[in-house]
Amino acid sequence: MNPIVTFIKAKRKQLKLTQVDVAFKSGVGLRFIRELEQGKTTVRLDKVNQVLYLFGKQVGITDMDRPEEEEV
């Protein structure tokens, strides 16, 4: 499962928030939260960041473990 999805679901449950709570507090629609938690592969990055902001996080760039010959 996607690490963002895993993080959001776990954090929501840890804080005892419903999907409705997260949608309201982050300013996105309930449908977006449901689709995000179900692992929809095409979601708006700005909305993902709105949700992550609720938990003090944001999407960022990280290094991938790739063999050197594949690096750009």
PDB file of N, CA and C in Angstrom:
ATOM      1  N   MET A   1       0.840  -1.183   0.000  1.00  0.00           N
ATOM      2  CA  MET A   1       0.000   0.000   0.000  1.00  0.00           C
ATOM      3  C   MET A   1       0.887   1.248   0.000  1.00  0.00           C
ATOM      4  N   ASN A   2       0.410   2.302  -0.574  1.00  0.00           N
ATOM      5  CA  ASN A   2       1.103   3.582  -0.664  1.00  0.00           C
ATOM      6  C   ASN A   2       1.437   4.117   0.735  1.00  0.00           C
ATOM      7  N   PRO A   3       2.685   4.587   0.955  1.00  0.00           N
ATOM      8  CA  PRO A   3       3.051   5.083   2.293  1.00  0.00           C
ATOM      9  C   PRO A   3       2.202   6.275   2.756  1.00  0.00           C
ATOM     10  N   ILE A   4       1.758   7.100   1.834  1.00  0.00           N
ATOM     11  CA  ILE A   4       0.916   8.246   2.209  1.00  0.00           C
ATOM     12  C   ILE A   4      -0.427   7.745   2.719  1.00  0.00           C
ATOM     13  N   VAL A   5      -1.004   6.803   2.007  1.00  0.00           N
ATOM     14  CA  VAL A   5      -2.288   6.227   2.409  1.00  0.00           C
ATOM     15  C   VAL A   5      -2.160   5.566   3.779  1.00  0.00           C
ATOM     16  N   THR A   6      -1.114   4.781   3.943  1.00  0.00           N
ATOM     17  CA  THR A   6      -0.878   4.101   5.215  1.00  0.00           C
ATOM     18  C   THR A   6      -0.748   5.104   6.351  1.00  0.00           C
ATOM     19  N   PHE A   7       0.024   6.166   6.125  1.00  0.00           N
ATOM     20  CA  PHE A   7       0.225   7.189   7.148  1.00  0.00           C
ATOM     21  C   PHE A   7      -1.090   7.867   7.516  1.00  0.00           C
ATOM     22  N   ILE A   8      -1.846   8.303   6.523  1.00  0.00           N
ATOM     23  CA  ILE A   8      -3.085   9.045   6.783  1.00  0.00           C
ATOM     24  C   ILE A   8      -4.095   8.175   7.533  1.00  0.00           C
ATOM     25  N   LYS A   9      -4.270   6.940   7.096  1.00  0.00           N
ATOM     26  CA  LYS A   9      -5.214   6.045   7.778  1.00  0.00           C
ATOM     27  C   LYS A   9      -4.790   5.796   9.220  1.00  0.00           C
ATOM     28  N   ALA A  10      -3.500   5.514   9.415  1.00  0.00           N
ATOM     29  CA  ALA A  10      -3.007   5.223  10.765  1.00  0.00           C
ATOM     30  C   ALA A  10      -3.125   6.440  11.669  1.00  0.00           C
ATOM     31  N   LYS A  11      -2.761   7.600  11.167  1.00  0.00           N
ATOM     32  CA  LYS A  11      -2.823   8.824  11.968  1.00  0.00           C
ATOM     33  C   LYS A  11      -4.268   9.175  12.310  1.00  0.00           C
ATOM     34  N   ARG A  12      -5.160   9.022  11.337  1.00  0.00           N
ATOM     35  CA  ARG A  12      -6.578   9.302  11.573  1.00  0.00           C
ATOM     36  C   ARG A  12      -7.125   8.401  12.676  1.00  0.00           C
ATOM     37  N   LYS A  13      -6.803   7.123  12.587  1.00  0.00           N
ATOM     38  CA  LYS A  13      -7.291   6.171  13.592  1.00  0.00           C
ATOM     39  C   LYS A  13      -6.650   6.423  14.952  1.00  0.00           C
ATOM     40  N   GLN A  14      -5.360   6.759  14.951  1.00  0.00           N
ATOM     41  CA  GLN A  14      -4.660   7.059  16.207  1.00  0.00           C
ATOM     42  C   GLN A  14      -5.314   8.233  16.932  1.00  0.00           C
ATOM     43  N   LEU A  15      -5.728   9.239  16.159  1.00  0.00           N
ATOM     44  CA  LEU A  15      -6.349  10.428  16.735  1.00  0.00           C
ATOM     45  C   LEU A  15      -7.865  10.276  16.906  1.00  0.00           C
ATOM     46  N   LYS A  16      -8.370   9.063  16.595  1.00  0.00           N
ATOM     47  CA  LYS A  16      -9.797   8.760  16.715  1.00  0.00           C
ATOM     48  C   LYS A  16     -10.668   9.732  15.903  1.00  0.00           C
ATOM     49  N   LEU A  17     -10.216  10.005  14.673  1.00  0.00           N
ATOM     50  CA  LEU A  17     -10.961  10.866  13.760  1.00  0.00           C
ATOM     51  C   LEU A  17     -11.663   9.999  12.727  1.00  0.00           C
ATOM     52  N   THR A  18     -12.859  10.396  12.349  1.00  0.00           N
ATOM     53  CA  THR A  18     -13.556   9.719  11.259  1.00  0.00           C
ATOM     54  C   THR A  18     -13.097  10.332   9.943  1.00  0.00           C
ATOM     55  N   GLN A  19     -13.452   9.690   8.855  1.00  0.00           N
ATOM     56  CA  GLN A  19     -13.158  10.271   7.547  1.00  0.00           C
ATOM     57  C   GLN A  19     -13.867  11.612   7.391  1.00  0.00           C
ATOM     58  N   VAL A  20     -15.062  11.717   7.927  1.00  0.00           N
ATOM     59  CA  VAL A  20     -15.817  12.974   7.892  1.00  0.00           C
ATOM     60  C   VAL A  20     -15.051  14.064   8.644  1.00  0.00           C
ATOM     61  N   ASP A  21     -14.506  13.726   9.816  1.00  0.00           N
ATOM     62  CA  ASP A  21     -13.720  14.691  10.589  1.00  0.00           C
ATOM     63  C   ASP A  21     -12.528  15.202   9.793  1.00  0.00           C
ATOM     64  N   VAL A  22     -11.794  14.283   9.186  1.00  0.00           N
ATOM     65  CA  VAL A  22     -10.597  14.659   8.424  1.00  0.00           C
ATOM     66  C   VAL A  22     -10.976  15.520   7.227  1.00  0.00           C
ATOM     67  N   ALA A  23     -12.037  15.151   6.542  1.00  0.00           N
ATOM     68  CA  ALA A  23     -12.483  15.944   5.395  1.00  0.00           C
ATOM     69  C   ALA A  23     -12.823  17.369   5.826  1.00  0.00           C
ATOM     70  N   PHE A  24     -13.579  17.497   6.887  1.00  0.00           N
ATOM     71  CA  PHE A  24     -14.003  18.812   7.368  1.00  0.00           C
ATOM     72  C   PHE A  24     -12.804  19.637   7.838  1.00  0.00           C
ATOM     73  N   LYS A  25     -11.958  19.042   8.678  1.00  0.00           N
ATOM     74  CA  LYS A  25     -10.836  19.774   9.263  1.00  0.00           C
ATOM     75  C   LYS A  25      -9.778  20.157   8.237  1.00  0.00           C
ATOM     76  N   SER A  26      -9.645  19.379   7.167  1.00  0.00           N
ATOM     77  CA  SER A  26      -8.635  19.683   6.162  1.00  0.00           C
ATOM     78  C   SER A  26      -9.195  20.481   4.980  1.00  0.00           C
ATOM     79  N   GLY A  27     -10.509  20.592   4.903  1.00  0.00           N
ATOM     80  CA  GLY A  27     -11.120  21.401   3.847  1.00  0.00           C
ATOM     81  C   GLY A  27     -11.230  20.703   2.505  1.00  0.00           C
ATOM     82  N   VAL A  28     -11.274  19.384   2.525  1.00  0.00           N
ATOM     83  CA  VAL A  28     -11.490  18.636   1.285  1.00  0.00           C
ATOM     84  C   VAL A  28     -12.784  17.853   1.424  1.00  0.00           C
ATOM     85  N   GLY A  29     -13.251  17.299   0.332  1.00  0.00           N
ATOM     86  CA  GLY A  29     -14.491  16.550   0.363  1.00  0.00           C
ATOM     87  C   GLY A  29     -14.330  15.155   0.940  1.00  0.00           C
ATOM     88  N   LEU A  30     -15.405  14.629   1.474  1.00  0.00           N
ATOM     89  CA  LEU A  30     -15.416  13.274   2.015  1.00  0.00           C
ATOM     90  C   LEU A  30     -15.069  12.262   0.928  1.00  0.00           C
ATOM     91  N   ARG A  31     -15.570  12.475  -0.254  1.00  0.00           N
ATOM     92  CA  ARG A  31     -15.268  11.567  -1.372  1.00  0.00           C
ATOM     93  C   ARG A  31     -13.765  11.501  -1.620  1.00  0.00           C
ATOM     94  N   PHE A  32     -13.091  12.646  -1.536  1.00  0.00           N
ATOM     95  CA  PHE A  32     -11.640  12.663  -1.742  1.00  0.00           C
ATOM     96  C   PHE A  32     -10.941  11.814  -0.678  1.00  0.00           C
ATOM     97  N   ILE A  33     -11.335  11.970   0.577  1.00  0.00           N
ATOM     98  CA  ILE A  33     -10.728  11.197   1.668  1.00  0.00           C
ATOM     99  C   ILE A  33     -10.957   9.711   1.443  1.00  0.00           C
ATOM    100  N   ARG A  34     -12.151   9.337   1.079  1.00  0.00           N
ATOM    101  CA  ARG A  34     -12.459   7.919   0.835  1.00  0.00           C
ATOM    102  C   ARG A  34     -11.609   7.360  -0.294  1.00  0.00           C
ATOM    103  N   GLU A  35     -11.529   8.092  -1.399  1.00  0.00           N
ATOM    104  CA  GLU A  35     -10.739   7.637  -2.538  1.00  0.00           C
ATOM    105  C   GLU A  35      -9.257   7.574  -2.183  1.00  0.00           C
ATOM    106  N   LEU A  36      -8.776   8.566  -1.440  1.00  0.00           N
ATOM    107  CA  LEU A  36      -7.380   8.583  -1.022  1.00  0.00           C
ATOM    108  C   LEU A  36      -7.059   7.366  -0.167  1.00  0.00           C
ATOM    109  N   GLU A  37      -7.892   7.082   0.814  1.00  0.00           N
ATOM    110  CA  GLU A  37      -7.655   5.946   1.708  1.00  0.00           C
ATOM    111  C   GLU A  37      -7.847   4.603   1.010  1.00  0.00           C
ATOM    112  N   GLN A  38      -8.559   4.589  -0.091  1.00  0.00           N
ATOM    113  CA  GLN A  38      -8.722   3.354  -0.857  1.00  0.00           C
ATOM    114  C   GLN A  38      -7.576   3.168  -1.849  1.00  0.00           C
ATOM    115  N   GLY A  39      -6.655   4.136  -1.896  1.00  0.00           N
ATOM    116  CA  GLY A  39      -5.481   4.006  -2.752  1.00  0.00           C
ATOM    117  C   GLY A  39      -5.668   4.424  -4.187  1.00  0.00           C
ATOM    118  N   LYS A  40      -6.626   5.305  -4.450  1.00  0.00           N
ATOM    119  CA  LYS A  40      -6.815   5.787  -5.812  1.00  0.00           C
ATOM    120  C   LYS A  40      -5.480   6.312  -6.337  1.00  0.00           C
ATOM    121  N   THR A  41      -5.124   5.907  -7.541  1.00  0.00           N
ATOM    122  CA  THR A  41      -3.789   6.223  -8.060  1.00  0.00           C
ATOM    123  C   THR A  41      -3.664   7.626  -8.627  1.00  0.00           C
ATOM    124  N   THR A  42      -4.767   8.272  -8.929  1.00  0.00           N
ATOM    125  CA  THR A  42      -4.697   9.640  -9.446  1.00  0.00           C
ATOM    126  C   THR A  42      -5.457  10.566  -8.507  1.00  0.00           C
ATOM    127  N   VAL A  43      -4.718  11.327  -7.725  1.00  0.00           N
ATOM    128  CA  VAL A  43      -5.315  12.296  -6.811  1.00  0.00           C
ATOM    129  C   VAL A  43      -4.576  13.615  -6.958  1.00  0.00           C
ATOM    130  N   ARG A  44      -5.230  14.684  -6.592  1.00  0.00           N
ATOM    131  CA  ARG A  44      -4.612  16.008  -6.681  1.00  0.00           C
ATOM    132  C   ARG A  44      -3.631  16.196  -5.534  1.00  0.00           C
ATOM    133  N   LEU A  45      -2.412  16.541  -5.899  1.00  0.00           N
ATOM    134  CA  LEU A  45      -1.352  16.705  -4.919  1.00  0.00           C
ATOM    135  C   LEU A  45      -1.650  17.830  -3.938  1.00  0.00           C
ATOM    136  N   ASP A  46      -2.272  18.910  -4.403  1.00  0.00           N
ATOM    137  CA  ASP A  46      -2.593  20.015  -3.498  1.00  0.00           C
ATOM    138  C   ASP A  46      -3.584  19.568  -2.424  1.00  0.00           C
ATOM    139  N   LYS A  47      -4.517  18.717  -2.795  1.00  0.00           N
ATOM    140  CA  LYS A  47      -5.479  18.217  -1.806  1.00  0.00           C
ATOM    141  C   LYS A  47      -4.827  17.224  -0.847  1.00  0.00           C
ATOM    142  N   VAL A  48      -3.904  16.415  -1.359  1.00  0.00           N
ATOM    143  CA  VAL A  48      -3.167  15.506  -0.476  1.00  0.00           C
ATOM    144  C   VAL A  48      -2.419  16.328   0.563  1.00  0.00           C
ATOM    145  N   ASN A  49      -1.786  17.409   0.130  1.00  0.00           N
ATOM    146  CA  ASN A  49      -1.067  18.269   1.068  1.00  0.00           C
ATOM    147  C   ASN A  49      -2.002  18.932   2.064  1.00  0.00           C
ATOM    148  N   GLN A  50      -3.220  19.262   1.663  1.00  0.00           N
ATOM    149  CA  GLN A  50      -4.192  19.821   2.603  1.00  0.00           C
ATOM    150  C   GLN A  50      -4.467  18.835   3.731  1.00  0.00           C
ATOM    151  N   VAL A  51      -4.622  17.572   3.372  1.00  0.00           N
ATOM    152  CA  VAL A  51      -4.885  16.536   4.374  1.00  0.00           C
ATOM    153  C   VAL A  51      -3.646  16.336   5.246  1.00  0.00           C
ATOM    154  N   LEU A  52      -2.481  16.225   4.628  1.00  0.00           N
ATOM    155  CA  LEU A  52      -1.251  16.010   5.388  1.00  0.00           C
ATOM    156  C   LEU A  52      -0.946  17.179   6.321  1.00  0.00           C
ATOM    157  N   TYR A  53      -1.301  18.388   5.915  1.00  0.00           N
ATOM    158  CA  TYR A  53      -1.077  19.582   6.743  1.00  0.00           C
ATOM    159  C   TYR A  53      -1.774  19.446   8.098  1.00  0.00           C
ATOM    160  N   LEU A  54      -2.919  18.795   8.092  1.00  0.00           N
ATOM    161  CA  LEU A  54      -3.662  18.549   9.329  1.00  0.00           C
ATOM    162  C   LEU A  54      -2.809  17.785  10.341  1.00  0.00           C
ATOM    163  N   PHE A  55      -1.889  16.955   9.838  1.00  0.00           N
ATOM    164  CA  PHE A  55      -1.017  16.145  10.690  1.00  0.00           C
ATOM    165  C   PHE A  55       0.409  16.695  10.762  1.00  0.00           C
ATOM    166  N   GLY A  56       0.599  17.922  10.285  1.00  0.00           N
ATOM    167  CA  GLY A  56       1.915  18.546  10.350  1.00  0.00           C
ATOM    168  C   GLY A  56       2.911  18.000   9.336  1.00  0.00           C
ATOM    169  N   LYS A  57       2.429  17.515   8.219  1.00  0.00           N
ATOM    170  CA  LYS A  57       3.286  16.917   7.185  1.00  0.00           C
ATOM    171  C   LYS A  57       2.969  17.512   5.828  1.00  0.00           C
ATOM    172  N   GLN A  58       3.835  17.220   4.843  1.00  0.00           N
ATOM    173  CA  GLN A  58       3.577  17.583   3.458  1.00  0.00           C
ATOM    174  C   GLN A  58       4.317  16.614   2.548  1.00  0.00           C
ATOM    175  N   VAL A  59       3.866  16.517   1.314  1.00  0.00           N
ATOM    176  CA  VAL A  59       4.528  15.671   0.335  1.00  0.00           C
ATOM    177  C   VAL A  59       5.846  16.339  -0.025  1.00  0.00           C
ATOM    178  N   GLY A  60       6.896  15.543  -0.143  1.00  0.00           N
ATOM    179  CA  GLY A  60       8.201  16.088  -0.498  1.00  0.00           C
ATOM    180  C   GLY A  60       8.982  15.127  -1.374  1.00  0.00           C
ATOM    181  N   ILE A  61      10.153  15.557  -1.742  1.00  0.00           N
ATOM    182  CA  ILE A  61      11.027  14.760  -2.588  1.00  0.00           C
ATOM    183  C   ILE A  61      11.980  13.960  -1.709  1.00  0.00           C
ATOM    184  N   THR A  62      12.083  12.670  -1.987  1.00  0.00           N
ATOM    185  CA  THR A  62      13.016  11.817  -1.260  1.00  0.00           C
ATOM    186  C   THR A  62      13.839  11.014  -2.263  1.00  0.00           C
ATOM    187  N   ASP A  63      14.995  10.577  -1.831  1.00  0.00           N
ATOM    188  CA  ASP A  63      15.844   9.749  -2.678  1.00  0.00           C
ATOM    189  C   ASP A  63      15.274   8.339  -2.765  1.00  0.00           C
ATOM    190  N   MET A  64      15.418   7.750  -3.942  1.00  0.00           N
ATOM    191  CA  MET A  64      15.007   6.365  -4.140  1.00  0.00           C
ATOM    192  C   MET A  64      16.251   5.499  -4.150  1.00  0.00           C
ATOM    193  N   ASP A  65      16.128   4.281  -3.685  1.00  0.00           N
ATOM    194  CA  ASP A  65      17.231   3.330  -3.778  1.00  0.00           C
ATOM    195  C   ASP A  65      17.216   2.711  -5.162  1.00  0.00           C
ATOM    196  N   ARG A  66      18.103   3.227  -6.024  1.00  0.00           N
ATOM    197  CA  ARG A  66      18.217   2.703  -7.382  1.00  0.00           C
ATOM    198  C   ARG A  66      19.688   2.450  -7.676  1.00  0.00           C
ATOM    199  N   PRO A  67      19.969   1.473  -8.508  1.00  0.00           N
ATOM    200  CA  PRO A  67      21.362   1.267  -8.927  1.00  0.00           C
ATOM    201  C   PRO A  67      21.878   2.518  -9.644  1.00  0.00           C
ATOM    202  N   GLU A  68      23.157   2.796  -9.498  1.00  0.00           N
ATOM    203  CA  GLU A  68      23.728   4.031 -10.045  1.00  0.00           C
ATOM    204  C   GLU A  68      23.530   4.167 -11.549  1.00  0.00           C
ATOM    205  N   GLU A  69      23.557   3.070 -12.297  1.00  0.00           N
ATOM    206  CA  GLU A  69      23.412   3.170 -13.748  1.00  0.00           C
ATOM    207  C   GLU A  69      22.034   3.649 -14.173  1.00  0.00           C
ATOM    208  N   GLU A  70      21.043   3.593 -13.287  1.00  0.00           N
ATOM    209  CA  GLU A  70      19.700   4.064 -13.625  1.00  0.00           C
ATOM    210  C   GLU A  70      19.507   5.542 -13.289  1.00  0.00           C
ATOM    211  N   GLU A  71      20.403   6.150 -12.530  1.00  0.00           N
ATOM    212  CA  GLU A  71      20.219   7.548 -12.136  1.00  0.00           C
ATOM    213  C   GLU A  71      20.324   8.463 -13.345  1.00  0.00           C
ATOM    214  N   VAL A  72      19.592   9.550 -13.284  1.00  0.00           N
ATOM    215  CA  VAL A  72      19.564  10.526 -14.368  1.00  0.00           C
ATOM    216  C   VAL A  72      20.746  11.450 -14.260  1.00  0.00           C
TER     217      VAL A  72
END
